[in-house]
Amino acid sequence: MKKSLLRLRGLLPLFVCSVYFVMALRAQSAVPRTLVFFGDSLTAGYGLADPSGESYPALIQEKISAAKLNWRVVNAGLSGETTAGGLRRVDWVLRQPVDLFVLALGANDGLRGTDPALTRTNLQLIIDRVRAKYPKARLVLAGMQMPPAMGGDFSRAFGKIYPELAAKNDVTLIPFLLEDVGGRPDLNQADAIHPSAAGATVVAETVWKTLRPLL
């Protein structure tokens, strides 16, 4: 009897440690992981009646909640943002934890006729900053395309930026953020640039197809 009690006493610290370990794991799993959308007005939900509820990142959060996934979405979109502005701003955004980072910049560069080589460099530097701060974070690059009115050579050079960067950095690529939305008056606002609420729903579906396996 005494030997049995001694054995139990010897196992008690191990049991207590095991309980604390399990509790710690449960507490850790209860903390939501963070998905950051880092973009421009397309991400911010410019022109929408309720950007906090109608922008595509907000719709992604709805899909995440419906799927009962433990993630929170941070919409770090800023209207008018360029890749150069994003490079200056990204360190501030990275002050919070990041588990999945969606980089959706470059549209304003293209519309302003910025040299595609400069846009590529800025996007690469942003990717480098994210990986330096959060080496384990997954990255997604949202591609953009320019209309033919910008010139054939320019549009082709711009279009190559995203697939080449994705391949070089081994990041997941959304080939075209505005797939099935760009150029459609019924899915865009009067400026023919920014998606309407209906268009944002289509964008969210495009993004969700890529993000869902990563979550």
Protein backbone atom coordinates (compact mmCIF):
# COMPACT_ATOMS: atom_id res chain seq x y z
CA MET A 1 0.00 0.00 0.00
CA LYS A 2 2.78 2.42 0.95
CA LYS A 3 4.64 1.61 -2.29
CA SER A 4 1.50 2.34 -4.31
CA LEU A 5 1.07 5.69 -2.57
CA LEU A 6 4.70 6.55 -3.19
CA ARG A 7 4.27 5.73 -6.88
CA LEU A 8 1.18 7.94 -7.07
CA ARG A 9 3.00 10.79 -5.36
CA GLY A 10 5.85 10.40 -7.80
CA LEU A 11 3.45 10.56 -10.74
CA LEU A 12 1.55 13.57 -9.39
CA PRO A 13 3.98 16.24 -10.72
CA LEU A 14 3.90 14.61 -14.16
CA PHE A 15 0.10 14.58 -14.09
CA VAL A 16 -0.05 18.23 -13.08
CA CYS A 17 2.39 19.19 -15.84
CA SER A 18 0.30 17.28 -18.37
CA VAL A 19 -2.85 19.07 -17.30
CA TYR A 20 -1.17 22.47 -17.58
CA PHE A 21 0.21 21.53 -21.01
CA VAL A 22 -3.23 20.56 -22.30
CA MET A 23 -4.75 23.74 -20.88
CA ALA A 24 -2.03 25.83 -22.51
CA LEU A 25 -2.67 24.18 -25.88
CA ARG A 26 -6.39 24.86 -25.58
CA ALA A 27 -5.76 28.49 -24.67
CA GLN A 28 -3.38 28.88 -27.59
CA SER A 29 -5.86 27.33 -30.03
CA ALA A 30 -8.53 29.76 -28.81
CA VAL A 31 -6.50 32.75 -30.03
CA PRO A 32 -7.56 33.53 -33.60
CA ARG A 33 -4.91 33.68 -36.27
CA THR A 34 -4.59 36.89 -38.28
CA LEU A 35 -5.24 37.36 -41.98
CA VAL A 36 -4.09 40.74 -43.30
CA PHE A 37 -5.25 42.23 -46.60
CA PHE A 38 -2.70 44.85 -47.61
CA GLY A 39 -3.94 46.82 -50.56
CA ASP A 40 -5.41 49.98 -52.07
CA SER A 41 -8.94 51.30 -52.66
CA LEU A 42 -10.04 47.97 -54.15
CA THR A 43 -9.30 46.38 -50.78
CA ALA A 44 -10.51 49.31 -48.68
CA GLY A 45 -13.94 49.18 -50.36
CA TYR A 46 -13.85 52.67 -51.86
CA GLY A 47 -17.26 54.00 -52.89
CA LEU A 48 -19.26 51.27 -51.19
CA ALA A 49 -22.11 52.31 -48.91
CA ASP A 50 -20.69 50.21 -46.07
CA PRO A 51 -17.01 49.30 -46.66
CA SER A 52 -16.82 47.62 -43.25
CA GLY A 53 -19.46 45.14 -44.38
CA GLU A 54 -19.35 45.15 -48.19
CA SER A 55 -15.63 45.19 -49.06
CA TYR A 56 -14.23 41.87 -50.17
CA PRO A 57 -12.12 41.44 -46.98
CA ALA A 58 -15.30 41.91 -44.93
CA LEU A 59 -17.04 39.27 -47.05
CA ILE A 60 -14.06 36.93 -46.54
CA GLN A 61 -14.50 37.37 -42.78
CA GLU A 62 -18.14 36.35 -43.17
CA LYS A 63 -17.09 33.21 -45.04
CA ILE A 64 -14.49 32.41 -42.38
CA SER A 65 -17.08 32.78 -39.62
CA ALA A 66 -19.59 30.64 -41.51
CA ALA A 67 -16.94 27.93 -41.90
CA LYS A 68 -16.19 28.20 -38.15
CA LEU A 69 -12.50 28.88 -38.79
CA ASN A 70 -10.52 30.58 -36.05
CA TRP A 71 -9.22 33.55 -38.05
CA ARG A 72 -9.69 37.31 -37.83
CA VAL A 73 -9.42 39.56 -40.89
CA VAL A 74 -7.58 42.87 -40.85
CA ASN A 75 -8.41 45.18 -43.74
CA ALA A 76 -5.25 47.23 -44.28
CA GLY A 77 -6.46 48.70 -47.56
CA LEU A 78 -5.80 52.39 -48.17
CA SER A 79 -7.37 54.31 -51.04
CA GLY A 80 -4.81 55.76 -53.45
CA GLU A 81 -2.03 53.52 -52.18
CA THR A 82 0.86 52.70 -54.51
CA THR A 83 3.54 50.06 -54.06
CA ALA A 84 5.92 52.83 -52.95
CA GLY A 85 3.43 54.00 -50.33
CA GLY A 86 2.84 50.41 -49.27
CA LEU A 87 6.56 49.91 -48.78
CA ARG A 88 6.64 52.92 -46.46
CA ARG A 89 3.56 51.72 -44.57
CA VAL A 90 4.13 47.99 -44.27
CA ASP A 91 6.32 48.08 -41.15
CA TRP A 92 3.49 49.79 -39.26
CA VAL A 93 1.03 47.12 -40.39
CA LEU A 94 3.46 44.38 -39.35
CA ARG A 95 3.40 45.58 -35.75
CA GLN A 96 0.50 43.16 -35.22
CA PRO A 97 0.76 39.36 -35.51
CA VAL A 98 0.45 38.08 -39.07
CA ASP A 99 -0.23 34.47 -40.06
CA LEU A 100 -1.45 35.03 -43.62
CA PHE A 101 -0.64 38.15 -45.64
CA VAL A 102 -2.45 39.03 -48.88
CA LEU A 103 -0.52 41.60 -50.91
CA ALA A 104 -2.89 43.41 -53.28
CA LEU A 105 -1.03 46.47 -54.53
CA GLY A 106 0.04 47.76 -57.92
CA ALA A 107 -3.16 48.92 -59.60
CA ASN A 108 -2.45 52.59 -58.93
CA ASP A 109 1.11 52.17 -60.16
CA GLY A 110 -0.21 50.86 -63.45
CA LEU A 111 -2.84 53.53 -63.88
CA ARG A 112 -0.18 56.20 -63.25
CA GLY A 113 2.15 54.67 -65.79
CA THR A 114 4.84 53.80 -63.23
CA ASP A 115 7.74 51.83 -64.66
CA PRO A 116 6.83 48.15 -64.13
CA ALA A 117 10.41 47.49 -63.00
CA LEU A 118 9.88 49.88 -60.07
CA THR A 119 6.54 48.30 -59.20
CA ARG A 120 8.20 44.88 -59.21
CA THR A 121 11.02 46.10 -56.96
CA ASN A 122 8.62 47.62 -54.43
CA LEU A 123 6.48 44.48 -54.29
CA GLN A 124 9.59 42.35 -53.79
CA LEU A 125 10.73 44.58 -50.93
CA ILE A 126 7.32 44.32 -49.27
CA ILE A 127 7.48 40.53 -49.53
CA ASP A 128 10.96 40.63 -48.04
CA ARG A 129 9.76 42.76 -45.11
CA VAL A 130 6.91 40.38 -44.32
CA ARG A 131 9.16 37.33 -44.45
CA ALA A 132 11.83 38.98 -42.32
CA LYS A 133 9.32 39.82 -39.59
CA TYR A 134 7.16 36.68 -39.83
CA PRO A 135 9.11 33.84 -41.48
CA LYS A 136 6.30 31.34 -40.89
CA ALA A 137 3.53 33.50 -42.33
CA ARG A 138 1.95 32.42 -45.61
CA LEU A 139 1.86 34.99 -48.42
CA VAL A 140 -0.63 35.47 -51.23
CA LEU A 141 -0.02 37.85 -54.12
CA ALA A 142 -3.12 39.28 -55.81
CA GLY A 143 -2.38 40.01 -59.46
CA MET A 144 -3.60 42.99 -61.45
CA GLN A 145 -3.87 43.72 -65.16
CA MET A 146 -3.88 46.95 -67.12
CA PRO A 147 -6.37 47.79 -69.88
CA PRO A 148 -5.09 47.92 -73.48
CA ALA A 149 -5.54 51.70 -73.39
CA MET A 150 -2.34 51.86 -71.31
CA GLY A 151 -0.41 50.55 -74.32
CA GLY A 152 0.34 47.00 -75.36
CA ASP A 153 3.99 46.91 -74.29
CA PHE A 154 3.23 48.50 -70.93
CA SER A 155 0.26 46.21 -70.24
CA ARG A 156 2.28 43.10 -71.09
CA ALA A 157 5.24 44.16 -68.93
CA PHE A 158 2.92 44.99 -66.04
CA GLY A 159 1.04 41.70 -66.35
CA LYS A 160 4.26 39.71 -66.02
CA ILE A 161 5.09 41.20 -62.62
CA TYR A 162 2.77 39.05 -60.52
CA PRO A 163 3.29 35.52 -61.86
CA GLU A 164 7.05 36.05 -61.98
CA LEU A 165 7.20 37.35 -58.41
CA ALA A 166 4.98 34.51 -57.20
CA ALA A 167 7.23 31.92 -58.82
CA LYS A 168 10.42 33.57 -57.58
CA ASN A 169 9.23 33.83 -53.97
CA ASP A 170 7.14 30.64 -53.85
CA VAL A 171 4.00 32.53 -52.83
CA THR A 172 0.43 31.70 -53.75
CA LEU A 173 -0.91 33.71 -56.69
CA ILE A 174 -4.38 35.03 -57.41
CA PRO A 175 -3.87 35.63 -61.13
CA PHE A 176 -6.29 38.57 -61.39
CA LEU A 177 -8.03 40.13 -58.40
CA LEU A 178 -10.82 41.54 -60.58
CA GLU A 179 -11.47 38.35 -62.51
CA ASP A 180 -15.02 38.43 -64.00
CA VAL A 181 -15.46 41.97 -62.62
CA GLY A 182 -13.05 44.22 -64.52
CA GLY A 183 -14.66 45.86 -67.55
CA ARG A 184 -18.22 44.89 -66.57
CA PRO A 185 -20.46 47.97 -66.03
CA ASP A 186 -23.02 45.89 -64.12
CA LEU A 187 -20.42 44.99 -61.46
CA ASN A 188 -18.61 48.31 -61.17
CA GLN A 189 -19.34 51.76 -59.86
CA ALA A 190 -19.81 54.74 -62.18
CA ASP A 191 -16.03 55.28 -62.38
CA ALA A 192 -15.69 51.88 -64.12
CA ILE A 193 -12.73 51.12 -61.82
CA HIS A 194 -14.07 50.18 -58.41
CA PRO A 195 -16.40 47.21 -57.89
CA SER A 196 -19.93 47.80 -56.72
CA ALA A 197 -21.32 45.78 -53.83
CA ALA A 198 -22.27 43.06 -56.31
CA GLY A 199 -18.80 43.22 -57.83
CA ALA A 200 -17.16 42.96 -54.41
CA THR A 201 -19.11 39.75 -53.87
CA VAL A 202 -17.58 38.28 -57.03
CA VAL A 203 -14.10 39.44 -55.97
CA ALA A 204 -14.61 37.75 -52.59
CA GLU A 205 -15.49 34.49 -54.34
CA THR A 206 -12.31 34.72 -56.43
CA VAL A 207 -10.18 35.37 -53.37
CA TRP A 208 -11.93 32.69 -51.30
CA LYS A 209 -11.11 29.98 -53.82
CA THR A 210 -7.42 30.64 -53.22
CA LEU A 211 -7.55 31.34 -49.48
CA ARG A 212 -9.82 28.53 -48.32
CA PRO A 213 -7.17 25.75 -48.68
CA LEU A 214 -4.65 27.94 -46.83
CA LEU A 215 -6.92 28.43 -43.82
